[in-house]
Amino acid sequence: MIWNREAREAKRKLLAAHSTAFKVAQGVYDRYRGQSVVMSEGEGPGYSFVSAASPSREAWDAYFDSMREQGFSAWDTQKRFDRELRR
C-alpha cells in the first residue's frame, strides 16, 4: 500500500506542476492566437537569432520551460497539454 500512496503523491505533484505550467502556456497562446506566425529575437554570447513559430509552438516552449523550472519533464504530460490547449 505504501508504494500506491507514493505513486499517487508523485502524480499529484506532476499534475500540480502541469497546472502551473499550463496557465503560463495558455497566456502565451492567448497573446498570439490571432497570428499565423510568431517572430522572436534573442541573443547570447557571440550570437543572435530570430525564430518563427506558430502560437501553439510558442505555448509549448513556455510550457516546457515552466515544467523544467519546476523540476519535471514536459514530455510526461505532453498529451494532456495538447488535449487541453485544443479546448
N, C-alpha and C. Protein backbone atom coordinates (compact mmCIF):
# COMPACT_ATOMS: atom_id res chain seq x y z
N MET A 1 0.80 -1.21 0.00
CA MET A 1 0.00 0.00 0.00
C MET A 1 0.84 1.27 0.00
N ILE A 2 2.01 1.23 0.61
CA ILE A 2 2.84 2.43 0.68
C ILE A 2 3.25 2.88 -0.72
N TRP A 3 3.61 1.94 -1.60
CA TRP A 3 4.01 2.33 -2.95
C TRP A 3 2.88 3.02 -3.68
N ASN A 4 1.65 2.59 -3.41
CA ASN A 4 0.50 3.20 -4.06
C ASN A 4 0.34 4.65 -3.59
N ARG A 5 0.53 4.89 -2.32
CA ARG A 5 0.44 6.24 -1.78
C ARG A 5 1.54 7.12 -2.37
N GLU A 6 2.73 6.56 -2.48
CA GLU A 6 3.85 7.31 -3.07
C GLU A 6 3.59 7.63 -4.54
N ALA A 7 3.03 6.69 -5.25
CA ALA A 7 2.71 6.91 -6.67
C ALA A 7 1.64 7.99 -6.82
N ARG A 8 0.62 7.95 -5.96
CA ARG A 8 -0.43 8.98 -6.02
C ARG A 8 0.15 10.35 -5.69
N GLU A 9 1.04 10.41 -4.72
CA GLU A 9 1.65 11.70 -4.35
C GLU A 9 2.52 12.23 -5.49
N ALA A 10 3.28 11.36 -6.13
CA ALA A 10 4.11 11.78 -7.27
C ALA A 10 3.23 12.29 -8.41
N LYS A 11 2.12 11.61 -8.68
CA LYS A 11 1.22 12.05 -9.74
C LYS A 11 0.57 13.38 -9.38
N ARG A 12 0.20 13.55 -8.10
CA ARG A 12 -0.40 14.81 -7.66
C ARG A 12 0.57 15.96 -7.87
N LYS A 13 1.85 15.76 -7.56
CA LYS A 13 2.86 16.80 -7.75
C LYS A 13 3.06 17.12 -9.24
N LEU A 14 3.07 16.07 -10.06
CA LEU A 14 3.22 16.27 -11.51
C LEU A 14 2.05 17.07 -12.06
N LEU A 15 0.83 16.73 -11.64
CA LEU A 15 -0.34 17.44 -12.15
C LEU A 15 -0.42 18.87 -11.63
N ALA A 16 0.09 19.10 -10.42
CA ALA A 16 0.15 20.48 -9.91
C ALA A 16 1.13 21.30 -10.73
N ALA A 17 2.27 20.71 -11.08
CA ALA A 17 3.25 21.41 -11.93
C ALA A 17 2.65 21.65 -13.31
N HIS A 18 1.94 20.67 -13.84
CA HIS A 18 1.28 20.84 -15.14
C HIS A 18 0.30 22.01 -15.10
N SER A 19 -0.49 22.09 -14.05
CA SER A 19 -1.48 23.16 -13.94
C SER A 19 -0.81 24.53 -13.95
N THR A 20 0.26 24.66 -13.21
CA THR A 20 1.00 25.92 -13.16
C THR A 20 1.60 26.26 -14.53
N ALA A 21 2.24 25.28 -15.14
CA ALA A 21 2.88 25.50 -16.44
C ALA A 21 1.84 25.77 -17.52
N PHE A 22 0.69 25.11 -17.43
CA PHE A 22 -0.33 25.30 -18.46
C PHE A 22 -0.91 26.71 -18.39
N LYS A 23 -1.04 27.28 -17.20
CA LYS A 23 -1.52 28.66 -17.09
C LYS A 23 -0.58 29.62 -17.81
N VAL A 24 0.72 29.38 -17.66
CA VAL A 24 1.72 30.20 -18.36
C VAL A 24 1.56 30.03 -19.87
N ALA A 25 1.47 28.77 -20.30
CA ALA A 25 1.36 28.48 -21.74
C ALA A 25 0.08 29.04 -22.32
N GLN A 26 -1.02 28.95 -21.59
CA GLN A 26 -2.30 29.47 -22.08
C GLN A 26 -2.21 30.99 -22.27
N GLY A 27 -1.53 31.67 -21.38
CA GLY A 27 -1.34 33.11 -21.52
C GLY A 27 -0.55 33.46 -22.78
N VAL A 28 0.49 32.69 -23.06
CA VAL A 28 1.28 32.91 -24.27
C VAL A 28 0.43 32.63 -25.50
N TYR A 29 -0.32 31.55 -25.49
CA TYR A 29 -1.17 31.20 -26.63
C TYR A 29 -2.23 32.27 -26.87
N ASP A 30 -2.86 32.73 -25.81
CA ASP A 30 -3.90 33.76 -25.95
C ASP A 30 -3.33 35.06 -26.51
N ARG A 31 -2.11 35.38 -26.13
CA ARG A 31 -1.47 36.62 -26.61
C ARG A 31 -1.23 36.58 -28.11
N TYR A 32 -0.91 35.41 -28.65
CA TYR A 32 -0.56 35.30 -30.07
C TYR A 32 -1.61 34.57 -30.91
N ARG A 33 -2.75 34.28 -30.35
CA ARG A 33 -3.76 33.44 -31.00
C ARG A 33 -4.12 33.89 -32.42
N GLY A 34 -4.27 35.16 -32.66
CA GLY A 34 -4.70 35.66 -33.97
C GLY A 34 -3.61 35.68 -35.03
N GLN A 35 -2.39 35.39 -34.66
CA GLN A 35 -1.28 35.45 -35.61
C GLN A 35 -1.00 34.06 -36.18
N SER A 36 -0.60 34.02 -37.44
CA SER A 36 -0.24 32.72 -38.02
C SER A 36 1.20 32.36 -37.69
N VAL A 37 2.06 33.38 -37.55
CA VAL A 37 3.48 33.16 -37.22
C VAL A 37 3.89 34.14 -36.14
N VAL A 38 4.62 33.65 -35.16
CA VAL A 38 5.14 34.48 -34.07
C VAL A 38 6.65 34.59 -34.26
N MET A 39 7.14 35.81 -34.38
CA MET A 39 8.57 36.04 -34.55
C MET A 39 9.18 36.40 -33.19
N SER A 40 10.31 35.79 -32.89
CA SER A 40 11.02 36.05 -31.64
C SER A 40 12.49 36.31 -31.95
N GLU A 41 13.08 37.21 -31.20
CA GLU A 41 14.51 37.50 -31.35
C GLU A 41 15.21 37.24 -30.03
N GLY A 42 16.47 36.88 -30.10
CA GLY A 42 17.24 36.66 -28.89
C GLY A 42 18.72 36.79 -29.16
N GLU A 43 19.47 36.86 -28.09
CA GLU A 43 20.93 36.99 -28.19
C GLU A 43 21.59 36.12 -27.15
N GLY A 44 22.80 35.77 -27.43
CA GLY A 44 23.64 35.05 -26.49
C GLY A 44 25.06 35.55 -26.66
N PRO A 45 25.98 34.97 -25.95
CA PRO A 45 27.37 35.40 -26.08
C PRO A 45 27.92 35.06 -27.47
N GLY A 46 28.04 36.06 -28.30
CA GLY A 46 28.60 35.87 -29.63
C GLY A 46 27.62 35.45 -30.70
N TYR A 47 26.34 35.47 -30.42
CA TYR A 47 25.37 35.10 -31.44
C TYR A 47 24.04 35.80 -31.19
N SER A 48 23.21 35.83 -32.22
CA SER A 48 21.83 36.31 -32.10
C SER A 48 20.98 35.43 -33.00
N PHE A 49 19.67 35.44 -32.76
CA PHE A 49 18.81 34.58 -33.55
C PHE A 49 17.44 35.21 -33.71
N VAL A 50 16.72 34.76 -34.73
CA VAL A 50 15.33 35.11 -34.97
C VAL A 50 14.61 33.79 -35.23
N SER A 51 13.54 33.56 -34.50
CA SER A 51 12.78 32.32 -34.72
C SER A 51 11.37 32.66 -35.16
N ALA A 52 10.77 31.74 -35.87
CA ALA A 52 9.38 31.87 -36.31
C ALA A 52 8.66 30.59 -35.94
N ALA A 53 7.54 30.73 -35.26
CA ALA A 53 6.79 29.55 -34.82
C ALA A 53 5.30 29.87 -34.77
N SER A 54 4.50 28.83 -34.68
CA SER A 54 3.06 29.02 -34.53
C SER A 54 2.75 29.39 -33.08
N PRO A 55 1.58 29.96 -32.82
CA PRO A 55 1.22 30.28 -31.44
C PRO A 55 1.21 29.05 -30.53
N SER A 56 0.79 27.90 -31.05
CA SER A 56 0.78 26.70 -30.22
C SER A 56 2.21 26.23 -29.90
N ARG A 57 3.13 26.43 -30.84
CA ARG A 57 4.53 26.07 -30.56
C ARG A 57 5.13 27.00 -29.52
N GLU A 58 4.81 28.28 -29.59
CA GLU A 58 5.29 29.23 -28.58
C GLU A 58 4.75 28.84 -27.20
N ALA A 59 3.48 28.42 -27.17
CA ALA A 59 2.88 27.98 -25.90
C ALA A 59 3.59 26.74 -25.38
N TRP A 60 3.91 25.79 -26.27
CA TRP A 60 4.62 24.59 -25.86
C TRP A 60 5.99 24.94 -25.29
N ASP A 61 6.70 25.86 -25.93
CA ASP A 61 8.01 26.26 -25.43
C ASP A 61 7.91 26.86 -24.03
N ALA A 62 6.90 27.70 -23.81
CA ALA A 62 6.71 28.29 -22.48
C ALA A 62 6.37 27.20 -21.46
N TYR A 63 5.53 26.26 -21.86
CA TYR A 63 5.15 25.13 -21.00
C TYR A 63 6.37 24.29 -20.65
N PHE A 64 7.16 23.97 -21.66
CA PHE A 64 8.35 23.16 -21.50
C PHE A 64 9.31 23.81 -20.50
N ASP A 65 9.55 25.11 -20.67
CA ASP A 65 10.44 25.83 -19.76
C ASP A 65 9.90 25.86 -18.34
N SER A 66 8.61 26.09 -18.19
CA SER A 66 8.00 26.15 -16.87
C SER A 66 8.08 24.79 -16.16
N MET A 67 7.81 23.73 -16.88
CA MET A 67 7.90 22.39 -16.28
C MET A 67 9.33 22.10 -15.85
N ARG A 68 10.30 22.46 -16.68
CA ARG A 68 11.71 22.23 -16.33
C ARG A 68 12.11 23.02 -15.09
N GLU A 69 11.65 24.27 -15.00
CA GLU A 69 11.95 25.09 -13.83
C GLU A 69 11.38 24.49 -12.55
N GLN A 70 10.28 23.76 -12.67
CA GLN A 70 9.65 23.13 -11.52
C GLN A 70 10.24 21.75 -11.22
N GLY A 71 11.16 21.29 -12.06
CA GLY A 71 11.82 20.02 -11.82
C GLY A 71 11.13 18.81 -12.44
N PHE A 72 10.29 19.04 -13.44
CA PHE A 72 9.57 17.95 -14.11
C PHE A 72 9.85 17.98 -15.60
N SER A 73 9.54 16.88 -16.26
CA SER A 73 9.68 16.79 -17.71
C SER A 73 8.33 17.07 -18.37
N ALA A 74 8.32 17.99 -19.29
CA ALA A 74 7.08 18.29 -20.03
C ALA A 74 6.66 17.12 -20.90
N TRP A 75 7.59 16.28 -21.26
CA TRP A 75 7.25 15.13 -22.11
C TRP A 75 6.31 14.16 -21.38
N ASP A 76 6.36 14.16 -20.05
CA ASP A 76 5.48 13.27 -19.29
C ASP A 76 4.01 13.68 -19.37
N THR A 77 3.76 14.93 -19.69
CA THR A 77 2.39 15.43 -19.75
C THR A 77 2.06 16.05 -21.11
N GLN A 78 2.81 15.68 -22.12
CA GLN A 78 2.61 16.27 -23.45
C GLN A 78 1.20 16.02 -23.98
N LYS A 79 0.70 14.81 -23.85
CA LYS A 79 -0.64 14.51 -24.38
C LYS A 79 -1.70 15.33 -23.65
N ARG A 80 -1.56 15.50 -22.36
CA ARG A 80 -2.51 16.30 -21.58
C ARG A 80 -2.43 17.76 -22.04
N PHE A 81 -1.22 18.27 -22.26
CA PHE A 81 -1.04 19.64 -22.75
C PHE A 81 -1.75 19.82 -24.09
N ASP A 82 -1.50 18.91 -25.03
CA ASP A 82 -2.11 19.00 -26.36
C ASP A 82 -3.64 18.99 -26.27
N ARG A 83 -4.17 18.09 -25.46
CA ARG A 83 -5.62 17.95 -25.31
C ARG A 83 -6.21 19.23 -24.72
N GLU A 84 -5.60 19.79 -23.68
CA GLU A 84 -6.14 20.97 -23.03
C GLU A 84 -5.97 22.23 -23.87
N LEU A 85 -4.91 22.33 -24.64
CA LEU A 85 -4.70 23.52 -25.47
C LEU A 85 -5.73 23.58 -26.60
N ARG A 86 -6.19 22.45 -27.07
CA ARG A 86 -7.16 22.43 -28.17
C ARG A 86 -8.57 22.79 -27.72
N ARG A 87 -8.83 22.82 -26.43
CA ARG A 87 -10.19 23.14 -25.94
C ARG A 87 -10.53 24.57 -26.19
